[in-house]
PDB file of N, CA and C in Angstrom:
ATOM      1  N   MET A   1     217.913 -36.690 -11.164  1.00  0.00           N
ATOM      2  CA  MET A   1     217.391 -35.436 -12.083  1.00  0.00           C
ATOM      3  C   MET A   1     215.668 -35.670 -12.075  1.00  0.00           C
ATOM      4  N   THR A   2     215.038 -34.204 -11.615  1.00  0.00           N
ATOM      5  CA  THR A   2     213.339 -34.037 -11.426  1.00  0.00           C
ATOM      6  C   THR A   2     213.061 -33.548 -12.588  1.00  0.00           C
ATOM      7  N   ALA A   3     211.801 -33.607 -12.674  1.00  0.00           N
ATOM      8  CA  ALA A   3     210.901 -32.813 -13.430  1.00  0.00           C
ATOM      9  C   ALA A   3     209.963 -32.012 -13.004  1.00  0.00           C
ATOM     10  N   ARG A   4     209.740 -30.871 -13.262  1.00  0.00           N
ATOM     11  CA  ARG A   4     208.854 -29.964 -12.895  1.00  0.00           C
ATOM     12  C   ARG A   4     207.099 -30.411 -14.009  1.00  0.00           C
ATOM     13  N   ILE A   5     206.349 -30.056 -13.198  1.00  0.00           N
ATOM     14  CA  ILE A   5     205.105 -30.097 -13.651  1.00  0.00           C
ATOM     15  C   ILE A   5     204.440 -28.960 -13.526  1.00  0.00           C
ATOM     16  N   TYR A   6     204.097 -27.867 -14.754  1.00  0.00           N
ATOM     17  CA  TYR A   6     203.313 -26.806 -14.121  1.00  0.00           C
ATOM     18  C   TYR A   6     202.517 -26.530 -15.366  1.00  0.00           C
ATOM     19  N   ARG A   7     201.929 -25.402 -15.411  1.00  0.00           N
ATOM     20  CA  ARG A   7     200.725 -24.875 -16.370  1.00  0.00           C
ATOM     21  C   ARG A   7     201.768 -23.164 -16.717  1.00  0.00           C
ATOM     22  N   PRO A   8     201.948 -22.925 -17.897  1.00  0.00           N
ATOM     23  CA  PRO A   8     202.472 -22.178 -18.015  1.00  0.00           C
ATOM     24  C   PRO A   8     201.532 -20.374 -17.781  1.00  0.00           C
ATOM     25  N   SER A   9     202.198 -19.674 -17.604  1.00  0.00           N
ATOM     26  CA  SER A   9     201.619 -18.510 -17.169  1.00  0.00           C
ATOM     27  C   SER A   9     201.376 -17.308 -18.410  1.00  0.00           C
ATOM     28  N   LYS A  10     200.615 -16.729 -18.734  1.00  0.00           N
ATOM     29  CA  LYS A  10     200.551 -15.670 -19.876  1.00  0.00           C
ATOM     30  C   LYS A  10     201.814 -14.864 -20.040  1.00  0.00           C
ATOM     31  N   THR A  11     202.125 -14.466 -21.085  1.00  0.00           N
ATOM     32  CA  THR A  11     203.164 -13.709 -21.628  1.00  0.00           C
ATOM     33  C   THR A  11     202.579 -12.341 -21.276  1.00  0.00           C
ATOM     34  N   ALA A  12     203.641 -10.995 -21.469  1.00  0.00           N
ATOM     35  CA  ALA A  12     203.281 -10.014 -21.069  1.00  0.00           C
ATOM     36  C   ALA A  12     202.495  -9.384 -22.501  1.00  0.00           C
ATOM     37  N   MET A  13     202.977  -9.675 -23.169  1.00  0.00           N
ATOM     38  CA  MET A  13     202.130  -9.556 -24.511  1.00  0.00           C
ATOM     39  C   MET A  13     200.802 -10.209 -25.215  1.00  0.00           C
ATOM     40  N   GLN A  14     200.369 -11.035 -23.951  1.00  0.00           N
ATOM     41  CA  GLN A  14     199.284 -11.640 -24.589  1.00  0.00           C
ATOM     42  C   GLN A  14     198.004 -11.376 -23.584  1.00  0.00           C
ATOM     43  N   SER A  15     196.841 -11.097 -24.255  1.00  0.00           N
ATOM     44  CA  SER A  15     195.654 -10.720 -23.244  1.00  0.00           C
ATOM     45  C   SER A  15     195.145 -11.705 -23.047  1.00  0.00           C
ATOM     46  N   GLY A  16     194.816 -13.028 -24.016  1.00  0.00           N
ATOM     47  CA  GLY A  16     194.015 -13.855 -24.117  1.00  0.00           C
ATOM     48  C   GLY A  16     194.673 -15.237 -23.231  1.00  0.00           C
ATOM     49  N   VAL A  17     194.367 -16.501 -23.052  1.00  0.00           N
ATOM     50  CA  VAL A  17     194.759 -17.470 -22.611  1.00  0.00           C
ATOM     51  C   VAL A  17     195.318 -18.684 -23.283  1.00  0.00           C
ATOM     52  N   ALA A  18     195.994 -18.061 -24.305  1.00  0.00           N
ATOM     53  CA  ALA A  18     196.247 -19.144 -25.351  1.00  0.00           C
ATOM     54  C   ALA A  18     197.892 -19.515 -24.575  1.00  0.00           C
ATOM     55  N   ASN A  19     198.093 -21.016 -24.653  1.00  0.00           N
ATOM     56  CA  ASN A  19     199.123 -21.595 -24.372  1.00  0.00           C
ATOM     57  C   ASN A  19     199.423 -21.584 -22.982  1.00  0.00           C
ATOM     58  N   THR A  20     197.748 -21.508 -22.246  1.00  0.00           N
ATOM     59  CA  THR A  20     198.314 -21.453 -20.812  1.00  0.00           C
ATOM     60  C   THR A  20     197.299 -22.412 -19.862  1.00  0.00           C
ATOM     61  N   ARG A  21     196.573 -23.376 -21.007  1.00  0.00           N
ATOM     62  CA  ARG A  21     195.522 -24.522 -20.237  1.00  0.00           C
ATOM     63  C   ARG A  21     196.285 -25.511 -20.240  1.00  0.00           C
ATOM     64  N   LYS A  22     197.200 -25.868 -21.251  1.00  0.00           N
ATOM     65  CA  LYS A  22     197.897 -27.651 -21.208  1.00  0.00           C
ATOM     66  C   LYS A  22     198.999 -27.268 -19.926  1.00  0.00           C
ATOM     67  N   TRP A  23     199.171 -28.503 -19.392  1.00  0.00           N
ATOM     68  CA  TRP A  23     200.104 -28.626 -18.497  1.00  0.00           C
ATOM     69  C   TRP A  23     201.438 -29.009 -19.284  1.00  0.00           C
ATOM     70  N   VAL A  24     202.868 -28.666 -18.560  1.00  0.00           N
ATOM     71  CA  VAL A  24     204.154 -28.676 -19.174  1.00  0.00           C
ATOM     72  C   VAL A  24     204.943 -29.646 -18.104  1.00  0.00           C
ATOM     73  N   VAL A  25     205.643 -31.038 -18.649  1.00  0.00           N
ATOM     74  CA  VAL A  25     206.606 -31.698 -17.833  1.00  0.00           C
ATOM     75  C   VAL A  25     208.137 -31.030 -18.690  1.00  0.00           C
ATOM     76  N   GLU A  26     208.983 -30.461 -18.037  1.00  0.00           N
ATOM     77  CA  GLU A  26     210.019 -29.880 -18.313  1.00  0.00           C
ATOM     78  C   GLU A  26     210.914 -30.667 -17.337  1.00  0.00           C
ATOM     79  N   HIS A  27     212.362 -31.193 -17.790  1.00  0.00           N
ATOM     80  CA  HIS A  27     213.188 -31.611 -16.922  1.00  0.00           C
ATOM     81  C   HIS A  27     214.094 -30.436 -16.680  1.00  0.00           C
ATOM     82  N   ASP A  28     214.824 -30.807 -15.183  1.00  0.00           N
ATOM     83  CA  ASP A  28     215.865 -30.041 -14.510  1.00  0.00           C
ATOM     84  C   ASP A  28     217.182 -30.240 -15.258  1.00  0.00           C
ATOM     85  N   LEU A  29     218.054 -29.737 -15.091  1.00  0.00           N
ATOM     86  CA  LEU A  29     219.654 -29.843 -15.746  1.00  0.00           C
ATOM     87  C   LEU A  29     220.269 -31.091 -14.807  1.00  0.00           C
ATOM     88  N   ALA A  30     220.913 -31.929 -15.518  1.00  0.00           N
ATOM     89  CA  ALA A  30     221.557 -33.013 -15.384  1.00  0.00           C
ATOM     90  C   ALA A  30     223.032 -32.969 -14.850  1.00  0.00           C
ATOM     91  N   GLU A  31     223.391 -31.582 -15.645  1.00  0.00           N
ATOM     92  CA  GLU A  31     224.763 -31.441 -15.786  1.00  0.00           C
ATOM     93  C   GLU A  31     224.536 -29.922 -15.754  1.00  0.00           C
ATOM     94  N   PRO A  32     225.743 -29.265 -15.099  1.00  0.00           N
ATOM     95  CA  PRO A  32     225.622 -27.707 -15.621  1.00  0.00           C
ATOM     96  C   PRO A  32     225.921 -27.633 -16.867  1.00  0.00           C
ATOM     97  N   ARG A  33     225.848 -26.287 -17.321  1.00  0.00           N
ATOM     98  CA  ARG A  33     225.953 -25.739 -18.616  1.00  0.00           C
ATOM     99  C   ARG A  33     227.779 -24.731 -18.709  1.00  0.00           C
ATOM    100  N   THR A  34     228.361 -24.970 -19.470  1.00  0.00           N
ATOM    101  CA  THR A  34     229.714 -24.496 -19.718  1.00  0.00           C
ATOM    102  C   THR A  34     229.606 -23.564 -20.887  1.00  0.00           C
ATOM    103  N   VAL A  35     230.208 -22.728 -20.746  1.00  0.00           N
ATOM    104  CA  VAL A  35     230.814 -21.549 -22.106  1.00  0.00           C
ATOM    105  C   VAL A  35     231.747 -22.317 -22.830  1.00  0.00           C
ATOM    106  N   GLU A  36     231.826 -22.547 -24.014  1.00  0.00           N
ATOM    107  CA  GLU A  36     232.705 -22.809 -25.009  1.00  0.00           C
ATOM    108  C   GLU A  36     233.493 -22.006 -25.396  1.00  0.00           C
ATOM    109  N   PRO A  37     234.857 -22.133 -25.167  1.00  0.00           N
ATOM    110  CA  PRO A  37     235.838 -20.867 -25.455  1.00  0.00           C
ATOM    111  C   PRO A  37     236.099 -20.371 -26.575  1.00  0.00           C
ATOM    112  N   LEU A  38     235.729 -21.217 -27.529  1.00  0.00           N
ATOM    113  CA  LEU A  38     235.883 -20.290 -28.731  1.00  0.00           C
ATOM    114  C   LEU A  38     235.295 -19.194 -29.482  1.00  0.00           C
ATOM    115  N   MET A  39     233.647 -19.549 -29.390  1.00  0.00           N
ATOM    116  CA  MET A  39     232.503 -19.110 -29.492  1.00  0.00           C
ATOM    117  C   MET A  39     231.927 -17.832 -28.417  1.00  0.00           C
ATOM    118  N   GLY A  40     232.118 -18.771 -27.369  1.00  0.00           N
ATOM    119  CA  GLY A  40     231.425 -18.162 -26.173  1.00  0.00           C
ATOM    120  C   GLY A  40     230.154 -18.766 -26.208  1.00  0.00           C
ATOM    121  N   TRP A  41     229.592 -19.490 -26.683  1.00  0.00           N
ATOM    122  CA  TRP A  41     228.274 -20.137 -26.783  1.00  0.00           C
ATOM    123  C   TRP A  41     228.016 -20.938 -25.543  1.00  0.00           C
ATOM    124  N   THR A  42     226.886 -21.065 -25.088  1.00  0.00           N
ATOM    125  CA  THR A  42     226.491 -21.556 -24.006  1.00  0.00           C
ATOM    126  C   THR A  42     226.089 -22.985 -23.958  1.00  0.00           C
ATOM    127  N   SER A  43     226.566 -23.917 -23.596  1.00  0.00           N
ATOM    128  CA  SER A  43     226.505 -25.479 -24.161  1.00  0.00           C
ATOM    129  C   SER A  43     226.476 -26.349 -22.937  1.00  0.00           C
ATOM    130  N   SER A  44     225.781 -27.802 -23.360  1.00  0.00           N
ATOM    131  CA  SER A  44     225.759 -28.814 -22.357  1.00  0.00           C
ATOM    132  C   SER A  44     225.299 -29.987 -23.064  1.00  0.00           C
ATOM    133  N   GLY A  45     225.678 -30.982 -22.280  1.00  0.00           N
ATOM    134  CA  GLY A  45     225.713 -32.006 -22.850  1.00  0.00           C
ATOM    135  C   GLY A  45     224.422 -32.804 -22.720  1.00  0.00           C
ATOM    136  N   ASP A  46     223.253 -32.617 -21.830  1.00  0.00           N
ATOM    137  CA  ASP A  46     222.162 -33.083 -21.578  1.00  0.00           C
ATOM    138  C   ASP A  46     221.436 -32.378 -22.482  1.00  0.00           C
ATOM    139  N   THR A  47     220.542 -33.410 -23.121  1.00  0.00           N
ATOM    140  CA  THR A  47     219.611 -33.042 -24.221  1.00  0.00           C
ATOM    141  C   THR A  47     218.171 -33.098 -23.915  1.00  0.00           C
ATOM    142  N   ARG A  48     217.711 -33.386 -22.662  1.00  0.00           N
ATOM    143  CA  ARG A  48     216.473 -33.489 -22.010  1.00  0.00           C
ATOM    144  C   ARG A  48     216.228 -32.196 -21.521  1.00  0.00           C
ATOM    145  N   GLN A  49     216.903 -31.323 -21.181  1.00  0.00           N
ATOM    146  CA  GLN A  49     216.497 -29.463 -20.987  1.00  0.00           C
ATOM    147  C   GLN A  49     215.887 -29.035 -22.142  1.00  0.00           C
ATOM    148  N   GLN A  50     216.368 -29.508 -23.513  1.00  0.00           N
ATOM    149  CA  GLN A  50     215.384 -29.196 -24.534  1.00  0.00           C
ATOM    150  C   GLN A  50     214.077 -29.526 -25.044  1.00  0.00           C
ATOM    151  N   VAL A  51     213.723 -30.857 -24.134  1.00  0.00           N
ATOM    152  CA  VAL A  51     212.515 -31.138 -24.388  1.00  0.00           C
ATOM    153  C   VAL A  51     211.454 -30.813 -23.301  1.00  0.00           C
ATOM    154  N   LYS A  52     210.272 -29.959 -23.937  1.00  0.00           N
ATOM    155  CA  LYS A  52     209.147 -29.916 -22.918  1.00  0.00           C
ATOM    156  C   LYS A  52     207.713 -30.887 -23.687  1.00  0.00           C
ATOM    157  N   LEU A  53     207.182 -31.975 -22.871  1.00  0.00           N
ATOM    158  CA  LEU A  53     205.971 -32.493 -23.248  1.00  0.00           C
ATOM    159  C   LEU A  53     204.989 -31.804 -22.943  1.00  0.00           C
ATOM    160  N   ARG A  54     203.957 -31.364 -23.598  1.00  0.00           N
ATOM    161  CA  ARG A  54     202.672 -30.595 -22.880  1.00  0.00           C
ATOM    162  C   ARG A  54     201.615 -31.865 -22.827  1.00  0.00           C
ATOM    163  N   PHE A  55     200.645 -32.074 -21.837  1.00  0.00           N
ATOM    164  CA  PHE A  55     199.510 -32.718 -21.547  1.00  0.00           C
ATOM    165  C   PHE A  55     198.089 -31.844 -21.343  1.00  0.00           C
ATOM    166  N   ASP A  56     197.185 -32.753 -21.351  1.00  0.00           N
ATOM    167  CA  ASP A  56     196.070 -31.757 -21.660  1.00  0.00           C
ATOM    168  C   ASP A  56     195.555 -31.776 -19.796  1.00  0.00           C
ATOM    169  N   THR A  57     195.695 -32.734 -19.396  1.00  0.00           N
ATOM    170  CA  THR A  57     195.279 -32.701 -17.474  1.00  0.00           C
ATOM    171  C   THR A  57     196.814 -32.905 -16.647  1.00  0.00           C
ATOM    172  N   GLU A  58     196.649 -32.318 -15.772  1.00  0.00           N
ATOM    173  CA  GLU A  58     197.957 -32.830 -14.412  1.00  0.00           C
ATOM    174  C   GLU A  58     197.933 -34.254 -14.517  1.00  0.00           C
ATOM    175  N   ALA A  59     196.560 -34.511 -14.540  1.00  0.00           N
ATOM    176  CA  ALA A  59     196.975 -36.445 -13.579  1.00  0.00           C
ATOM    177  C   ALA A  59     197.864 -37.373 -15.148  1.00  0.00           C
ATOM    178  N   GLU A  60     197.566 -36.546 -16.443  1.00  0.00           N
ATOM    179  CA  GLU A  60     198.058 -37.454 -17.352  1.00  0.00           C
ATOM    180  C   GLU A  60     199.906 -37.189 -17.327  1.00  0.00           C
ATOM    181  N   ALA A  61     199.725 -35.727 -16.908  1.00  0.00           N
ATOM    182  CA  ALA A  61     201.376 -35.340 -16.943  1.00  0.00           C
ATOM    183  C   ALA A  61     202.164 -35.928 -15.567  1.00  0.00           C
ATOM    184  N   ILE A  62     201.344 -36.163 -14.681  1.00  0.00           N
ATOM    185  CA  ILE A  62     201.979 -37.244 -13.185  1.00  0.00           C
ATOM    186  C   ILE A  62     201.614 -38.453 -14.019  1.00  0.00           C
ATOM    187  N   GLY A  63     201.036 -39.084 -14.376  1.00  0.00           N
ATOM    188  CA  GLY A  63     200.983 -40.236 -14.903  1.00  0.00           C
ATOM    189  C   GLY A  63     202.239 -40.786 -15.802  1.00  0.00           C
ATOM    190  N   TYR A  64     202.490 -39.793 -16.946  1.00  0.00           N
ATOM    191  CA  TYR A  64     203.489 -40.239 -17.448  1.00  0.00           C
ATOM    192  C   TYR A  64     205.211 -40.068 -17.023  1.00  0.00           C
ATOM    193  N   CYS A  65     205.117 -39.239 -15.640  1.00  0.00           N
ATOM    194  CA  CYS A  65     206.352 -39.332 -14.906  1.00  0.00           C
ATOM    195  C   CYS A  65     206.241 -40.791 -13.882  1.00  0.00           C
ATOM    196  N   GLU A  66     205.179 -40.964 -13.601  1.00  0.00           N
ATOM    197  CA  GLU A  66     205.421 -42.224 -12.550  1.00  0.00           C
ATOM    198  C   GLU A  66     205.689 -43.370 -13.524  1.00  0.00           C
ATOM    199  N   ARG A  67     205.105 -43.760 -15.122  1.00  0.00           N
ATOM    200  CA  ARG A  67     204.996 -44.787 -15.994  1.00  0.00           C
ATOM    201  C   ARG A  67     206.713 -44.880 -15.832  1.00  0.00           C
ATOM    202  N   ASN A  68     207.171 -43.685 -16.147  1.00  0.00           N
ATOM    203  CA  ASN A  68     208.818 -43.878 -16.645  1.00  0.00           C
ATOM    204  C   ASN A  68     209.995 -43.815 -15.534  1.00  0.00           C
ATOM    205  N   GLY A  69     209.506 -43.487 -14.420  1.00  0.00           N
ATOM    206  CA  GLY A  69     210.313 -43.657 -13.087  1.00  0.00           C
ATOM    207  C   GLY A  69     210.767 -42.123 -12.920  1.00  0.00           C
ATOM    208  N   ILE A  70     210.532 -41.031 -13.702  1.00  0.00           N
ATOM    209  CA  ILE A  70     211.089 -39.792 -13.441  1.00  0.00           C
ATOM    210  C   ILE A  70     210.401 -38.996 -12.337  1.00  0.00           C
ATOM    211  N   PRO A  71     211.273 -38.867 -11.168  1.00  0.00           N
ATOM    212  CA  PRO A  71     210.886 -38.162  -9.937  1.00  0.00           C
ATOM    213  C   PRO A  71     210.524 -36.816 -10.319  1.00  0.00           C
ATOM    214  N   TYR A  72     209.028 -36.012  -9.704  1.00  0.00           N
ATOM    215  CA  TYR A  72     208.817 -34.930 -10.078  1.00  0.00           C
ATOM    216  C   TYR A  72     208.056 -34.301  -8.990  1.00  0.00           C
ATOM    217  N   GLN A  73     208.214 -32.394  -9.421  1.00  0.00           N
ATOM    218  CA  GLN A  73     207.633 -31.736  -8.465  1.00  0.00           C
ATOM    219  C   GLN A  73     206.081 -30.752  -9.341  1.00  0.00           C
ATOM    220  N   VAL A  74     204.921 -30.864  -8.523  1.00  0.00           N
ATOM    221  CA  VAL A  74     204.203 -30.132  -9.325  1.00  0.00           C
ATOM    222  C   VAL A  74     204.061 -28.811  -8.657  1.00  0.00           C
ATOM    223  N   PHE A  75     203.825 -27.874  -9.574  1.00  0.00           N
ATOM    224  CA  PHE A  75     203.860 -26.480  -9.408  1.00  0.00           C
ATOM    225  C   PHE A  75     202.440 -25.793  -9.662  1.00  0.00           C
ATOM    226  N   GLU A  76     201.785 -25.606  -8.526  1.00  0.00           N
ATOM    227  CA  GLU A  76     200.643 -25.015  -8.494  1.00  0.00           C
ATOM    228  C   GLU A  76     200.569 -23.573  -9.091  1.00  0.00           C
ATOM    229  N   ALA A  77     200.103 -22.931  -9.861  1.00  0.00           N
ATOM    230  CA  ALA A  77     199.985 -21.497 -10.013  1.00  0.00           C
ATOM    231  C   ALA A  77     198.626 -20.626  -9.185  1.00  0.00           C
ATOM    232  N   LYS A  78     198.751 -19.443  -8.627  1.00  0.00           N
ATOM    233  CA  LYS A  78     198.223 -18.366  -8.032  1.00  0.00           C
ATOM    234  C   LYS A  78     196.957 -18.261  -8.530  1.00  0.00           C
ATOM    235  N   ALA A  79     195.862 -18.501  -8.524  1.00  0.00           N
ATOM    236  CA  ALA A  79     194.640 -17.961  -9.175  1.00  0.00           C
ATOM    237  C   ALA A  79     194.546 -16.546  -8.680  1.00  0.00           C
ATOM    238  N   SER A  80     194.586 -15.519  -9.618  1.00  0.00           N
ATOM    239  CA  SER A  80     194.628 -14.179  -9.525  1.00  0.00           C
ATOM    240  C   SER A  80     192.704 -13.868 -10.029  1.00  0.00           C
ATOM    241  N   PRO A  81     192.155 -13.135  -9.253  1.00  0.00           N
ATOM    242  CA  PRO A  81     190.801 -12.629  -9.723  1.00  0.00           C
ATOM    243  C   PRO A  81     190.872 -11.603 -10.764  1.00  0.00           C
ATOM    244  N   ARG A  82     190.292 -11.400 -12.016  1.00  0.00           N
ATOM    245  CA  ARG A  82     190.373 -10.971 -13.066  1.00  0.00           C
ATOM    246  C   ARG A  82     188.990  -9.931 -13.166  1.00  0.00           C
ATOM    247  N   ARG A  83     189.521  -8.669 -13.003  1.00  0.00           N
ATOM    248  CA  ARG A  83     188.591  -7.796 -13.215  1.00  0.00           C
ATOM    249  C   ARG A  83     187.905  -7.320 -14.426  1.00  0.00           C
ATOM    250  N   VAL A  84     186.925  -7.135 -14.567  1.00  0.00           N
ATOM    251  CA  VAL A  84     185.851  -7.007 -15.854  1.00  0.00           C
ATOM    252  C   VAL A  84     185.503  -5.538 -16.021  1.00  0.00           C
ATOM    253  N   ILE A  85     186.234  -4.612 -16.675  1.00  0.00           N
ATOM    254  CA  ILE A  85     185.835  -3.727 -16.993  1.00  0.00           C
ATOM    255  C   ILE A  85     185.641  -3.472 -18.197  1.00  0.00           C
ATOM    256  N   SER A  86     184.418  -2.704 -18.636  1.00  0.00           N
ATOM    257  CA  SER A  86     184.187  -2.206 -19.700  1.00  0.00           C
ATOM    258  C   SER A  86     184.844  -1.128 -20.179  1.00  0.00           C
ATOM    259  N   TYR A  87     184.579  -0.695 -21.329  1.00  0.00           N
ATOM    260  CA  TYR A  87     184.919   0.443 -22.202  1.00  0.00           C
ATOM    261  C   TYR A  87     184.018   1.554 -21.975  1.00  0.00           C
ATOM    262  N   SER A  88     182.745   1.389 -21.529  1.00  0.00           N
ATOM    263  CA  SER A  88     181.867   2.373 -21.690  1.00  0.00           C
ATOM    264  C   SER A  88     182.063   2.745 -19.930  1.00  0.00           C
ATOM    265  N   ASP A  89     182.816   2.202 -19.005  1.00  0.00           N
ATOM    266  CA  ASP A  89     183.194   2.604 -17.699  1.00  0.00           C
ATOM    267  C   ASP A  89     184.093   3.964 -17.666  1.00  0.00           C
ATOM    268  N   ASN A  90     184.697   3.680 -18.738  1.00  0.00           N
ATOM    269  CA  ASN A  90     185.844   4.886 -18.558  1.00  0.00           C
ATOM    270  C   ASN A  90     185.003   6.407 -18.872  1.00  0.00           C
ATOM    271  N   PHE A  91     183.638   6.220 -19.501  1.00  0.00           N
ATOM    272  CA  PHE A  91     183.094   7.344 -19.468  1.00  0.00           C
ATOM    273  C   PHE A  91     181.893   7.741 -18.812  1.00  0.00           C
ATOM    274  N   ALA A  92     181.388   6.945 -17.757  1.00  0.00           N
ATOM    275  CA  ALA A  92     180.433   6.741 -16.908  1.00  0.00           C
ATOM    276  C   ALA A  92     180.451   8.058 -16.216  1.00  0.00           C
ATOM    277  N   PHE A  93     179.199   8.347 -15.728  1.00  0.00           N
ATOM    278  CA  PHE A  93     178.689   9.613 -15.305  1.00  0.00           C
ATOM    279  C   PHE A  93     179.202   9.748 -13.659  1.00  0.00           C
ATOM    280  N   LYS A  94     179.013   8.549 -13.364  1.00  0.00           N
ATOM    281  CA  LYS A  94     179.449   8.060 -11.799  1.00  0.00           C
ATOM    282  C   LYS A  94     181.076   7.928 -11.432  1.00  0.00           C
ATOM    283  N   ARG A  95     181.636   8.209 -12.500  1.00  0.00           N
ATOM    284  CA  ARG A  95     183.029   7.322 -12.542  1.00  0.00           C
ATOM    285  C   ARG A  95     183.910   8.624 -11.200  1.00  0.00           C
ATOM    286  N   ARG A  96     184.518   7.928 -10.138  1.00  0.00           N
ATOM    287  CA  ARG A  96     184.976   8.602  -9.357  1.00  0.00           C
ATOM    288  C   ARG A  96     186.605   9.364  -9.415  1.00  0.00           C
ATOM    289  N   ASP A  97     187.152   8.901 -10.399  1.00  0.00           N
ATOM    290  CA  ASP A  97     188.503   9.099 -10.791  1.00  0.00           C
ATOM    291  C   ASP A  97     188.453  10.575 -11.753  1.00  0.00           C
ATOM    292  N   ALA A  98     189.432  11.043 -11.885  1.00  0.00           N
ATOM    293  CA  ALA A  98     189.579  12.244 -12.692  1.00  0.00           C
ATOM    294  C   ALA A  98     189.519  11.257 -14.205  1.00  0.00           C
ATOM    295  N   TRP A  99     189.154  12.048 -15.015  1.00  0.00           N
ATOM    296  CA  TRP A  99     189.198  11.485 -16.744  1.00  0.00           C
ATOM    297  C   TRP A  99     190.478  11.975 -17.216  1.00  0.00           C
ATOM    298  N   THR A 100     191.475  11.254 -17.747  1.00  0.00           N
ATOM    299  CA  THR A 100     192.916  11.708 -17.893  1.00  0.00           C
ATOM    300  C   THR A 100     193.276  11.784 -19.454  1.00  0.00           C
ATOM    301  N   HIS A 101     192.232  11.571 -20.357  1.00  0.00           N
ATOM    302  CA  HIS A 101     192.514  11.553 -22.006  1.00  0.00           C
ATOM    303  C   HIS A 101     192.615  12.613 -22.252  1.00  0.00           C
TER     304      HIS A 101
END
């Protein structure tokens, strides 16, 4: 069973960078999930998949996995450039696009 080390991305409902600066260690499934016949719930006997460990740096997360003998994979997120747009640019005289408001 391997662990994934990654930095979570922003949610669609989030404009800031909250909860995206820490590194997360998450375990993969050790056994497949099954559907309980009575209620139809999804269940598994593996409790490690419910735990997400958060670390301040990537080195701390890798060190934790190495100390405990957990094989791991590090997933780097793509850095996308952020366009800085001010509200006043919507009403600029040199605006090239049509104003649609």
